[in-house]
PDB file of N, CA and C in Angstrom:
ATOM      1  N   UNK A   1     104.163  39.670   7.452  1.00  0.00           N
ATOM      2  CA  UNK A   1     105.111  40.122   8.454  1.00  0.00           C
ATOM      3  C   UNK A   1     105.172  41.645   8.493  1.00  0.00           C
ATOM      4  N   UNK A   2     105.519  42.174   9.628  1.00  0.00           N
ATOM      5  CA  UNK A   2     105.636  43.602   9.775  1.00  0.00           C
ATOM      6  C   UNK A   2     107.074  43.947  10.086  1.00  0.00           C
ATOM      7  N   UNK A   3     107.531  45.048   9.515  1.00  0.00           N
ATOM      8  CA  UNK A   3     108.868  45.549   9.803  1.00  0.00           C
ATOM      9  C   UNK A   3     108.711  46.873  10.508  1.00  0.00           C
ATOM     10  N   UNK A   4     109.527  47.127  11.513  1.00  0.00           N
ATOM     11  CA  UNK A   4     109.376  48.330  12.299  1.00  0.00           C
ATOM     12  C   UNK A   4     110.730  48.944  12.581  1.00  0.00           C
ATOM     13  N   UNK A   5     110.780  50.278  12.568  1.00  0.00           N
ATOM     14  CA  UNK A   5     111.942  50.984  13.078  1.00  0.00           C
ATOM     15  C   UNK A   5     111.421  52.128  13.927  1.00  0.00           C
ATOM     16  N   UNK A   6     112.211  52.567  14.864  1.00  0.00           N
ATOM     17  CA  UNK A   6     111.781  53.605  15.783  1.00  0.00           C
ATOM     18  C   UNK A   6     112.693  54.809  15.652  1.00  0.00           C
ATOM     19  N   UNK A   7     112.123  55.983  15.839  1.00  0.00           N
ATOM     20  CA  UNK A   7     112.898  57.212  15.778  1.00  0.00           C
ATOM     21  C   UNK A   7     112.308  58.191  16.782  1.00  0.00           C
ATOM     22  N   UNK A   8     112.955  59.311  16.973  1.00  0.00           N
ATOM     23  CA  UNK A   8     112.400  60.402  17.760  1.00  0.00           C
ATOM     24  C   UNK A   8     112.107  61.550  16.821  1.00  0.00           C
ATOM     25  N   UNK A   9     110.918  62.128  16.932  1.00  0.00           N
ATOM     26  CA  UNK A   9     110.606  63.267  16.084  1.00  0.00           C
ATOM     27  C   UNK A   9     111.073  64.551  16.761  1.00  0.00           C
ATOM     28  N   UNK A  10     110.766  65.680  16.147  1.00  0.00           N
ATOM     29  CA  UNK A  10     111.258  66.961  16.654  1.00  0.00           C
ATOM     30  C   UNK A  10     110.729  67.291  18.040  1.00  0.00           C
ATOM     31  N   UNK A  11     109.584  66.696  18.421  1.00  0.00           N
ATOM     32  CA  UNK A  11     109.013  66.946  19.740  1.00  0.00           C
ATOM     33  C   UNK A  11     109.473  65.894  20.745  1.00  0.00           C
ATOM     34  N   UNK A  12     110.422  65.065  20.373  1.00  0.00           N
ATOM     35  CA  UNK A  12     110.916  63.966  21.203  1.00  0.00           C
ATOM     36  C   UNK A  12     109.797  63.007  21.616  1.00  0.00           C
ATOM     37  N   UNK A  13     108.863  62.792  20.717  1.00  0.00           N
ATOM     38  CA  UNK A  13     107.792  61.823  20.925  1.00  0.00           C
ATOM     39  C   UNK A  13     108.163  60.594  20.099  1.00  0.00           C
ATOM     40  N   UNK A  14     107.982  59.420  20.671  1.00  0.00           N
ATOM     41  CA  UNK A  14     108.290  58.213  19.911  1.00  0.00           C
ATOM     42  C   UNK A  14     107.401  58.123  18.683  1.00  0.00           C
ATOM     43  N   UNK A  15     108.001  57.870  17.554  1.00  0.00           N
ATOM     44  CA  UNK A  15     107.231  57.607  16.348  1.00  0.00           C
ATOM     45  C   UNK A  15     107.783  56.338  15.726  1.00  0.00           C
ATOM     46  N   UNK A  16     106.970  55.665  14.982  1.00  0.00           N
ATOM     47  CA  UNK A  16     107.341  54.381  14.407  1.00  0.00           C
ATOM     48  C   UNK A  16     107.043  54.405  12.923  1.00  0.00           C
ATOM     49  N   UNK A  17     107.825  53.683  12.181  1.00  0.00           N
ATOM     50  CA  UNK A  17     107.584  53.499  10.762  1.00  0.00           C
ATOM     51  C   UNK A  17     107.393  52.004  10.540  1.00  0.00           C
ATOM     52  N   UNK A  18     106.256  51.632  10.061  1.00  0.00           N
ATOM     53  CA  UNK A  18     105.936  50.231   9.828  1.00  0.00           C
ATOM     54  C   UNK A  18     105.695  49.999   8.347  1.00  0.00           C
ATOM     55  N   UNK A  19     105.973  48.833   7.917  1.00  0.00           N
ATOM     56  CA  UNK A  19     105.516  48.364   6.619  1.00  0.00           C
ATOM     57  C   UNK A  19     104.670  47.142   6.899  1.00  0.00           C
ATOM     58  N   UNK A  20     103.425  47.172   6.451  1.00  0.00           N
ATOM     59  CA  UNK A  20     102.562  46.022   6.686  1.00  0.00           C
ATOM     60  C   UNK A  20     102.268  45.339   5.363  1.00  0.00           C
ATOM     61  N   UNK A  21     101.931  44.093   5.471  1.00  0.00           N
ATOM     62  CA  UNK A  21     101.477  43.357   4.314  1.00  0.00           C
ATOM     63  C   UNK A  21      99.984  43.603   4.209  1.00  0.00           C
ATOM     64  N   UNK A  22      99.534  44.055   3.066  1.00  0.00           N
ATOM     65  CA  UNK A  22      98.122  44.353   2.877  1.00  0.00           C
ATOM     66  C   UNK A  22      97.311  43.063   2.861  1.00  0.00           C
ATOM     67  N   UNK A  23      96.301  43.017   3.682  1.00  0.00           N
ATOM     68  CA  UNK A  23      95.385  41.876   3.680  1.00  0.00           C
ATOM     69  C   UNK A  23      93.992  42.412   3.412  1.00  0.00           C
ATOM     70  N   UNK A  24      93.741  42.779   2.173  1.00  0.00           N
ATOM     71  CA  UNK A  24      92.451  43.337   1.808  1.00  0.00           C
ATOM     72  C   UNK A  24      91.534  42.225   1.325  1.00  0.00           C
ATOM     73  N   UNK A  25      90.307  42.614   1.002  1.00  0.00           N
ATOM     74  CA  UNK A  25      89.312  41.629   0.593  1.00  0.00           C
ATOM     75  C   UNK A  25      89.525  41.128  -0.829  1.00  0.00           C
ATOM     76  N   UNK A  26      90.278  41.847  -1.623  1.00  0.00           N
ATOM     77  CA  UNK A  26      90.485  41.465  -3.008  1.00  0.00           C
ATOM     78  C   UNK A  26      91.636  40.468  -3.127  1.00  0.00           C
ATOM     79  N   UNK A  27      91.394  39.355  -3.784  1.00  0.00           N
ATOM     80  CA  UNK A  27      92.427  38.329  -3.938  1.00  0.00           C
ATOM     81  C   UNK A  27      93.643  38.874  -4.663  1.00  0.00           C
ATOM     82  N   UNK A  28      93.438  39.876  -5.504  1.00  0.00           N
ATOM     83  CA  UNK A  28      94.540  40.450  -6.275  1.00  0.00           C
ATOM     84  C   UNK A  28      95.613  41.044  -5.371  1.00  0.00           C
ATOM     85  N   UNK A  29      95.240  41.487  -4.177  1.00  0.00           N
ATOM     86  CA  UNK A  29      96.180  42.157  -3.293  1.00  0.00           C
ATOM     87  C   UNK A  29      96.585  41.319  -2.091  1.00  0.00           C
ATOM     88  N   UNK A  30      96.182  40.091  -2.005  1.00  0.00           N
ATOM     89  CA  UNK A  30      96.524  39.247  -0.864  1.00  0.00           C
ATOM     90  C   UNK A  30      97.930  38.691  -0.942  1.00  0.00           C
ATOM     91  N   UNK A  31      98.610  38.885  -2.045  1.00  0.00           N
ATOM     92  CA  UNK A  31      99.915  38.278  -2.255  1.00  0.00           C
ATOM     93  C   UNK A  31     101.068  39.098  -1.702  1.00  0.00           C
ATOM     94  N   UNK A  32     100.840  39.865  -0.673  1.00  0.00           N
ATOM     95  CA  UNK A  32     101.955  40.542  -0.028  1.00  0.00           C
ATOM     96  C   UNK A  32     102.226  41.956  -0.471  1.00  0.00           C
ATOM     97  N   UNK A  33     101.208  42.695  -0.886  1.00  0.00           N
ATOM     98  CA  UNK A  33     101.417  44.102  -1.173  1.00  0.00           C
ATOM     99  C   UNK A  33     101.826  44.794   0.122  1.00  0.00           C
ATOM    100  N   UNK A  34     102.912  45.536   0.087  1.00  0.00           N
ATOM    101  CA  UNK A  34     103.389  46.208   1.287  1.00  0.00           C
ATOM    102  C   UNK A  34     102.988  47.674   1.256  1.00  0.00           C
ATOM    103  N   UNK A  35     102.475  48.152   2.381  1.00  0.00           N
ATOM    104  CA  UNK A  35     102.075  49.543   2.508  1.00  0.00           C
ATOM    105  C   UNK A  35     102.831  50.190   3.656  1.00  0.00           C
ATOM    106  N   UNK A  36     103.302  51.412   3.469  1.00  0.00           N
ATOM    107  CA  UNK A  36     103.992  52.098   4.567  1.00  0.00           C
ATOM    108  C   UNK A  36     102.989  52.683   5.555  1.00  0.00           C
ATOM    109  N   UNK A  37     103.365  52.722   6.813  1.00  0.00           N
ATOM    110  CA  UNK A  37     102.554  53.330   7.865  1.00  0.00           C
ATOM    111  C   UNK A  37     103.437  54.228   8.710  1.00  0.00           C
ATOM    112  N   UNK A  38     102.885  55.347   9.130  1.00  0.00           N
ATOM    113  CA  UNK A  38     103.547  56.206  10.103  1.00  0.00           C
ATOM    114  C   UNK A  38     102.761  56.095  11.394  1.00  0.00           C
ATOM    115  N   UNK A  39     103.458  55.833  12.485  1.00  0.00           N
ATOM    116  CA  UNK A  39     102.797  55.670  13.771  1.00  0.00           C
ATOM    117  C   UNK A  39     103.477  56.567  14.784  1.00  0.00           C
ATOM    118  N   UNK A  40     102.670  57.318  15.495  1.00  0.00           N
ATOM    119  CA  UNK A  40     103.190  58.212  16.519  1.00  0.00           C
ATOM    120  C   UNK A  40     102.415  58.003  17.809  1.00  0.00           C
ATOM    121  N   UNK A  41     103.123  57.942  18.908  1.00  0.00           N
ATOM    122  CA  UNK A  41     102.482  57.842  20.208  1.00  0.00           C
ATOM    123  C   UNK A  41     102.198  59.259  20.681  1.00  0.00           C
ATOM    124  N   UNK A  42     100.905  59.585  20.889  1.00  0.00           N
ATOM    125  CA  UNK A  42     100.558  60.956  21.247  1.00  0.00           C
ATOM    126  C   UNK A  42     100.696  61.222  22.741  1.00  0.00           C
ATOM    127  N   UNK A  43     100.366  62.444  23.128  1.00  0.00           N
ATOM    128  CA  UNK A  43     100.535  62.874  24.519  1.00  0.00           C
ATOM    129  C   UNK A  43      99.683  62.055  25.491  1.00  0.00           C
ATOM    130  N   UNK A  44      98.555  61.512  25.010  1.00  0.00           N
ATOM    131  CA  UNK A  44      97.667  60.725  25.849  1.00  0.00           C
ATOM    132  C   UNK A  44      98.040  59.247  25.877  1.00  0.00           C
ATOM    133  N   UNK A  45      99.105  58.877  25.181  1.00  0.00           N
ATOM    134  CA  UNK A  45      99.556  57.493  25.161  1.00  0.00           C
ATOM    135  C   UNK A  45      98.928  56.634  24.082  1.00  0.00           C
ATOM    136  N   UNK A  46      98.075  57.220  23.230  1.00  0.00           N
ATOM    137  CA  UNK A  46      97.474  56.471  22.135  1.00  0.00           C
ATOM    138  C   UNK A  46      98.430  56.429  20.947  1.00  0.00           C
ATOM    139  N   UNK A  47      98.371  55.354  20.199  1.00  0.00           N
ATOM    140  CA  UNK A  47      99.140  55.218  18.974  1.00  0.00           C
ATOM    141  C   UNK A  47      98.260  55.679  17.817  1.00  0.00           C
ATOM    142  N   UNK A  48      98.716  56.690  17.105  1.00  0.00           N
ATOM    143  CA  UNK A  48      98.008  57.226  15.946  1.00  0.00           C
ATOM    144  C   UNK A  48      98.742  56.722  14.716  1.00  0.00           C
ATOM    145  N   UNK A  49      98.014  56.077  13.815  1.00  0.00           N
ATOM    146  CA  UNK A  49      98.630  55.450  12.647  1.00  0.00           C
ATOM    147  C   UNK A  49      98.028  56.016  11.371  1.00  0.00           C
ATOM    148  N   UNK A  50      98.889  56.260  10.378  1.00  0.00           N
ATOM    149  CA  UNK A  50      98.470  56.830   9.103  1.00  0.00           C
ATOM    150  C   UNK A  50      99.120  56.044   7.971  1.00  0.00           C
ATOM    151  N   UNK A  51      98.357  55.785   6.924  1.00  0.00           N
ATOM    152  CA  UNK A  51      98.902  55.201   5.701  1.00  0.00           C
ATOM    153  C   UNK A  51      98.959  56.322   4.670  1.00  0.00           C
ATOM    154  N   UNK A  52     100.159  56.819   4.353  1.00  0.00           N
ATOM    155  CA  UNK A  52     100.271  57.989   3.472  1.00  0.00           C
ATOM    156  C   UNK A  52      99.899  57.733   2.010  1.00  0.00           C
ATOM    157  N   UNK A  53      99.695  56.505   1.646  1.00  0.00           N
ATOM    158  CA  UNK A  53      99.321  56.182   0.264  1.00  0.00           C
ATOM    159  C   UNK A  53      97.907  56.664  -0.041  1.00  0.00           C
ATOM    160  N   UNK A  54      97.027  56.580   0.952  1.00  0.00           N
ATOM    161  CA  UNK A  54      95.618  56.925   0.772  1.00  0.00           C
ATOM    162  C   UNK A  54      95.288  58.172   1.583  1.00  0.00           C
ATOM    163  N   UNK A  55      94.711  59.157   0.941  1.00  0.00           N
ATOM    164  CA  UNK A  55      94.356  60.408   1.611  1.00  0.00           C
ATOM    165  C   UNK A  55      93.359  60.152   2.739  1.00  0.00           C
ATOM    166  N   UNK A  56      93.662  60.667   3.908  1.00  0.00           N
ATOM    167  CA  UNK A  56      92.764  60.549   5.049  1.00  0.00           C
ATOM    168  C   UNK A  56      92.727  59.178   5.692  1.00  0.00           C
ATOM    169  N   UNK A  57      93.652  58.311   5.355  1.00  0.00           N
ATOM    170  CA  UNK A  57      93.673  56.947   5.889  1.00  0.00           C
ATOM    171  C   UNK A  57      94.419  56.943   7.216  1.00  0.00           C
ATOM    172  N   UNK A  58      93.668  56.979   8.318  1.00  0.00           N
ATOM    173  CA  UNK A  58      94.298  56.989   9.629  1.00  0.00           C
ATOM    174  C   UNK A  58      93.391  56.319  10.652  1.00  0.00           C
ATOM    175  N   UNK A  59      93.986  55.949  11.757  1.00  0.00           N
ATOM    176  CA  UNK A  59      93.257  55.335  12.851  1.00  0.00           C
ATOM    177  C   UNK A  59      94.109  55.471  14.104  1.00  0.00           C
ATOM    178  N   UNK A  60      93.663  54.876  15.193  1.00  0.00           N
ATOM    179  CA  UNK A  60      94.422  54.925  16.438  1.00  0.00           C
ATOM    180  C   UNK A  60      94.081  53.719  17.287  1.00  0.00           C
ATOM    181  N   UNK A  61      94.840  53.528  18.352  1.00  0.00           N
ATOM    182  CA  UNK A  61      94.579  52.449  19.289  1.00  0.00           C
ATOM    183  C   UNK A  61      95.311  52.696  20.595  1.00  0.00           C
ATOM    184  N   UNK A  62      94.834  52.057  21.645  1.00  0.00           N
ATOM    185  CA  UNK A  62      95.473  52.182  22.963  1.00  0.00           C
ATOM    186  C   UNK A  62      96.830  51.491  22.971  1.00  0.00           C
ATOM    187  N   UNK A  63      96.965  50.449  22.157  1.00  0.00           N
ATOM    188  CA  UNK A  63      98.232  49.726  22.034  1.00  0.00           C
ATOM    189  C   UNK A  63      98.656  49.744  20.572  1.00  0.00           C
ATOM    190  N   UNK A  64      99.913  49.435  20.332  1.00  0.00           N
ATOM    191  CA  UNK A  64     100.405  49.372  18.957  1.00  0.00           C
ATOM    192  C   UNK A  64      99.662  48.296  18.175  1.00  0.00           C
ATOM    193  N   UNK A  65      99.443  47.137  18.789  1.00  0.00           N
ATOM    194  CA  UNK A  65      98.712  46.062  18.108  1.00  0.00           C
ATOM    195  C   UNK A  65      97.294  46.485  17.744  1.00  0.00           C
ATOM    196  N   UNK A  66      96.630  47.186  18.661  1.00  0.00           N
ATOM    197  CA  UNK A  66      95.266  47.646  18.392  1.00  0.00           C
ATOM    198  C   UNK A  66      95.253  48.668  17.256  1.00  0.00           C
ATOM    199  N   UNK A  67      96.223  49.575  17.251  1.00  0.00           N
ATOM    200  CA  UNK A  67      96.307  50.575  16.183  1.00  0.00           C
ATOM    201  C   UNK A  67      96.524  49.909  14.827  1.00  0.00           C
ATOM    202  N   UNK A  68      97.398  48.896  14.774  1.00  0.00           N
ATOM    203  CA  UNK A  68      97.651  48.184  13.516  1.00  0.00           C
ATOM    204  C   UNK A  68      96.417  47.412  13.063  1.00  0.00           C
ATOM    205  N   UNK A  69      95.711  46.803  13.994  1.00  0.00           N
ATOM    206  CA  UNK A  69      94.470  46.093  13.659  1.00  0.00           C
ATOM    207  C   UNK A  69      93.452  47.073  13.085  1.00  0.00           C
ATOM    208  N   UNK A  70      93.336  48.237  13.715  1.00  0.00           N
ATOM    209  CA  UNK A  70      92.368  49.232  13.262  1.00  0.00           C
ATOM    210  C   UNK A  70      92.709  49.786  11.886  1.00  0.00           C
ATOM    211  N   UNK A  71      93.988  50.027  11.608  1.00  0.00           N
ATOM    212  CA  UNK A  71      94.344  50.572  10.297  1.00  0.00           C
ATOM    213  C   UNK A  71      94.130  49.529   9.200  1.00  0.00           C
ATOM    214  N   UNK A  72      94.308  48.264   9.524  1.00  0.00           N
ATOM    215  CA  UNK A  72      93.998  47.206   8.545  1.00  0.00           C
ATOM    216  C   UNK A  72      92.524  47.254   8.152  1.00  0.00           C
ATOM    217  N   UNK A  73      91.649  47.476   9.137  1.00  0.00           N
ATOM    218  CA  UNK A  73      90.211  47.577   8.854  1.00  0.00           C
ATOM    219  C   UNK A  73      89.910  48.787   7.982  1.00  0.00           C
ATOM    220  N   UNK A  74      90.538  49.918   8.287  1.00  0.00           N
ATOM    221  CA  UNK A  74      90.339  51.133   7.499  1.00  0.00           C
ATOM    222  C   UNK A  74      90.814  50.912   6.064  1.00  0.00           C
ATOM    223  N   UNK A  75      91.983  50.310   5.898  1.00  0.00           N
ATOM    224  CA  UNK A  75      92.507  50.040   4.554  1.00  0.00           C
ATOM    225  C   UNK A  75      91.564  49.106   3.802  1.00  0.00           C
ATOM    226  N   UNK A  76      91.016  48.113   4.482  1.00  0.00           N
ATOM    227  CA  UNK A  76      90.055  47.211   3.849  1.00  0.00           C
ATOM    228  C   UNK A  76      88.842  47.958   3.310  1.00  0.00           C
ATOM    229  N   UNK A  77      88.353  48.919   4.091  1.00  0.00           N
ATOM    230  CA  UNK A  77      87.206  49.722   3.649  1.00  0.00           C
ATOM    231  C   UNK A  77      87.589  50.646   2.492  1.00  0.00           C
ATOM    232  N   UNK A  78      88.752  51.251   2.589  1.00  0.00           N
ATOM    233  CA  UNK A  78      89.226  52.147   1.530  1.00  0.00           C
ATOM    234  C   UNK A  78      89.384  51.393   0.218  1.00  0.00           C
ATOM    235  N   UNK A  79      89.808  50.145   0.295  1.00  0.00           N
ATOM    236  CA  UNK A  79      90.049  49.356  -0.912  1.00  0.00           C
ATOM    237  C   UNK A  79      88.767  48.955  -1.629  1.00  0.00           C
ATOM    238  N   UNK A  80      87.619  49.241  -1.042  1.00  0.00           N
ATOM    239  CA  UNK A  80      86.361  48.964  -1.726  1.00  0.00           C
ATOM    240  C   UNK A  80      86.087  49.978  -2.832  1.00  0.00           C
ATOM    241  N   UNK A  81      86.795  51.109  -2.801  1.00  0.00           N
ATOM    242  CA  UNK A  81      86.616  52.142  -3.827  1.00  0.00           C
ATOM    243  C   UNK A  81      87.518  51.861  -5.030  1.00  0.00           C
ATOM    244  N   UNK A  82      86.947  51.990  -6.202  1.00  0.00           N
ATOM    245  CA  UNK A  82      87.667  51.688  -7.439  1.00  0.00           C
ATOM    246  C   UNK A  82      88.939  52.524  -7.588  1.00  0.00           C
ATOM    247  N   UNK A  83      88.855  53.813  -7.284  1.00  0.00           N
ATOM    248  CA  UNK A  83      90.019  54.699  -7.435  1.00  0.00           C
ATOM    249  C   UNK A  83      91.176  54.239  -6.546  1.00  0.00           C
ATOM    250  N   UNK A  84      90.881  53.767  -5.355  1.00  0.00           N
ATOM    251  CA  UNK A  84      91.937  53.310  -4.449  1.00  0.00           C
ATOM    252  C   UNK A  84      92.520  51.972  -4.893  1.00  0.00           C
ATOM    253  N   UNK A  85      91.703  51.124  -5.485  1.00  0.00           N
ATOM    254  CA  UNK A  85      92.219  49.874  -6.041  1.00  0.00           C
ATOM    255  C   UNK A  85      93.217  50.172  -7.156  1.00  0.00           C
ATOM    256  N   UNK A  86      92.870  51.139  -8.004  1.00  0.00           N
ATOM    257  CA  UNK A  86      93.767  51.523  -9.093  1.00  0.00           C
ATOM    258  C   UNK A  86      95.044  52.158  -8.557  1.00  0.00           C
ATOM    259  N   UNK A  87      94.907  52.993  -7.527  1.00  0.00           N
ATOM    260  CA  UNK A  87      96.070  53.619  -6.914  1.00  0.00           C
ATOM    261  C   UNK A  87      97.032  52.563  -6.379  1.00  0.00           C
ATOM    262  N   UNK A  88      96.514  51.580  -5.689  1.00  0.00           N
ATOM    263  CA  UNK A  88      97.351  50.523  -5.132  1.00  0.00           C
ATOM    264  C   UNK A  88      97.954  49.652  -6.235  1.00  0.00           C
ATOM    265  N   UNK A  89      97.193  49.431  -7.277  1.00  0.00           N
ATOM    266  CA  UNK A  89      97.689  48.615  -8.393  1.00  0.00           C
ATOM    267  C   UNK A  89      98.915  49.270  -9.043  1.00  0.00           C
ATOM    268  N   UNK A  90      98.972  50.598  -9.016  1.00  0.00           N
ATOM    269  CA  UNK A  90     100.082  51.327  -9.631  1.00  0.00           C
ATOM    270  C   UNK A  90     101.156  51.729  -8.627  1.00  0.00           C
ATOM    271  N   UNK A  91     101.064  51.276  -7.415  1.00  0.00           N
ATOM    272  CA  UNK A  91     102.013  51.639  -6.362  1.00  0.00           C
ATOM    273  C   UNK A  91     103.133  50.601  -6.317  1.00  0.00           C
ATOM    274  N   UNK A  92     104.323  51.010  -6.756  1.00  0.00           N
ATOM    275  CA  UNK A  92     105.477  50.110  -6.787  1.00  0.00           C
ATOM    276  C   UNK A  92     106.750  50.851  -6.383  1.00  0.00           C
ATOM    277  N   UNK A  93     106.890  51.224  -5.117  1.00  0.00           N
ATOM    278  CA  UNK A  93     108.104  51.948  -4.727  1.00  0.00           C
ATOM    279  C   UNK A  93     109.324  51.038  -4.773  1.00  0.00           C
ATOM    280  N   UNK A  94     110.441  51.586  -5.179  1.00  0.00           N
ATOM    281  CA  UNK A  94     111.687  50.815  -5.204  1.00  0.00           C
ATOM    282  C   UNK A  94     112.441  50.975  -3.897  1.00  0.00           C
ATOM    283  N   UNK A  95     112.210  52.087  -3.230  1.00  0.00           N
ATOM    284  CA  UNK A  95     112.896  52.345  -1.980  1.00  0.00           C
ATOM    285  C   UNK A  95     112.016  53.238  -1.123  1.00  0.00           C
ATOM    286  N   UNK A  96     112.130  53.075   0.182  1.00  0.00           N
ATOM    287  CA  UNK A  96     111.335  53.864   1.084  1.00  0.00           C
ATOM    288  C   UNK A  96     112.166  54.184   2.319  1.00  0.00           C
ATOM    289  N   UNK A  97     112.093  55.416   2.793  1.00  0.00           N
ATOM    290  CA  UNK A  97     112.800  55.771   4.011  1.00  0.00           C
ATOM    291  C   UNK A  97     112.055  56.889   4.725  1.00  0.00           C
ATOM    292  N   UNK A  98     112.336  57.044   5.985  1.00  0.00           N
ATOM    293  CA  UNK A  98     111.718  58.090   6.798  1.00  0.00           C
ATOM    294  C   UNK A  98     112.838  58.932   7.372  1.00  0.00           C
ATOM    295  N   UNK A  99     112.711  60.234   7.224  1.00  0.00           N
ATOM    296  CA  UNK A  99     113.721  61.146   7.728  1.00  0.00           C
ATOM    297  C   UNK A  99     113.046  62.192   8.596  1.00  0.00           C
ATOM    298  N   UNK A 100     113.748  62.687   9.581  1.00  0.00           N
ATOM    299  CA  UNK A 100     113.242  63.785  10.395  1.00  0.00           C
ATOM    300  C   UNK A 100     114.275  64.902  10.406  1.00  0.00           C
ATOM    301  N   UNK A 101     113.789  66.116  10.605  1.00  0.00           N
ATOM    302  CA  UNK A 101     114.693  67.248  10.747  1.00  0.00           C
ATOM    303  C   UNK A 101     114.323  67.986  12.028  1.00  0.00           C
ATOM    304  N   UNK A 102     115.263  68.701  12.583  1.00  0.00           N
ATOM    305  CA  UNK A 102     115.012  69.505  13.764  1.00  0.00           C
ATOM    306  C   UNK A 102     114.918  70.960  13.341  1.00  0.00           C
ATOM    307  N   UNK A 103     113.843  71.618  13.729  1.00  0.00           N
ATOM    308  CA  UNK A 103     113.651  73.028  13.376  1.00  0.00           C
ATOM    309  C   UNK A 103     114.003  73.920  14.542  1.00  0.00           C
TER     310      UNK A 103
END
């Protein structure tokens, strides 16, 4: 399942915060590991999605569903690396929130 909340960033562009259930190729992580995602709708109407847990883990899509599908594929590829498997194995946040400030 996915959980979503919506906010406005400093540029008044819609941004979304999602938590997805990780569906990677490794059976060890199929049991509902949750990963945070930041999603922002850009000026061209594309949804840009980033998983802040993994450096450089981002994708985009014309629709929100397409962007989420694409980031799942990217995460699947990232999880093939041993260092990222270890990073995820040690990832256990107790609380997560998204805040914005106006400058």
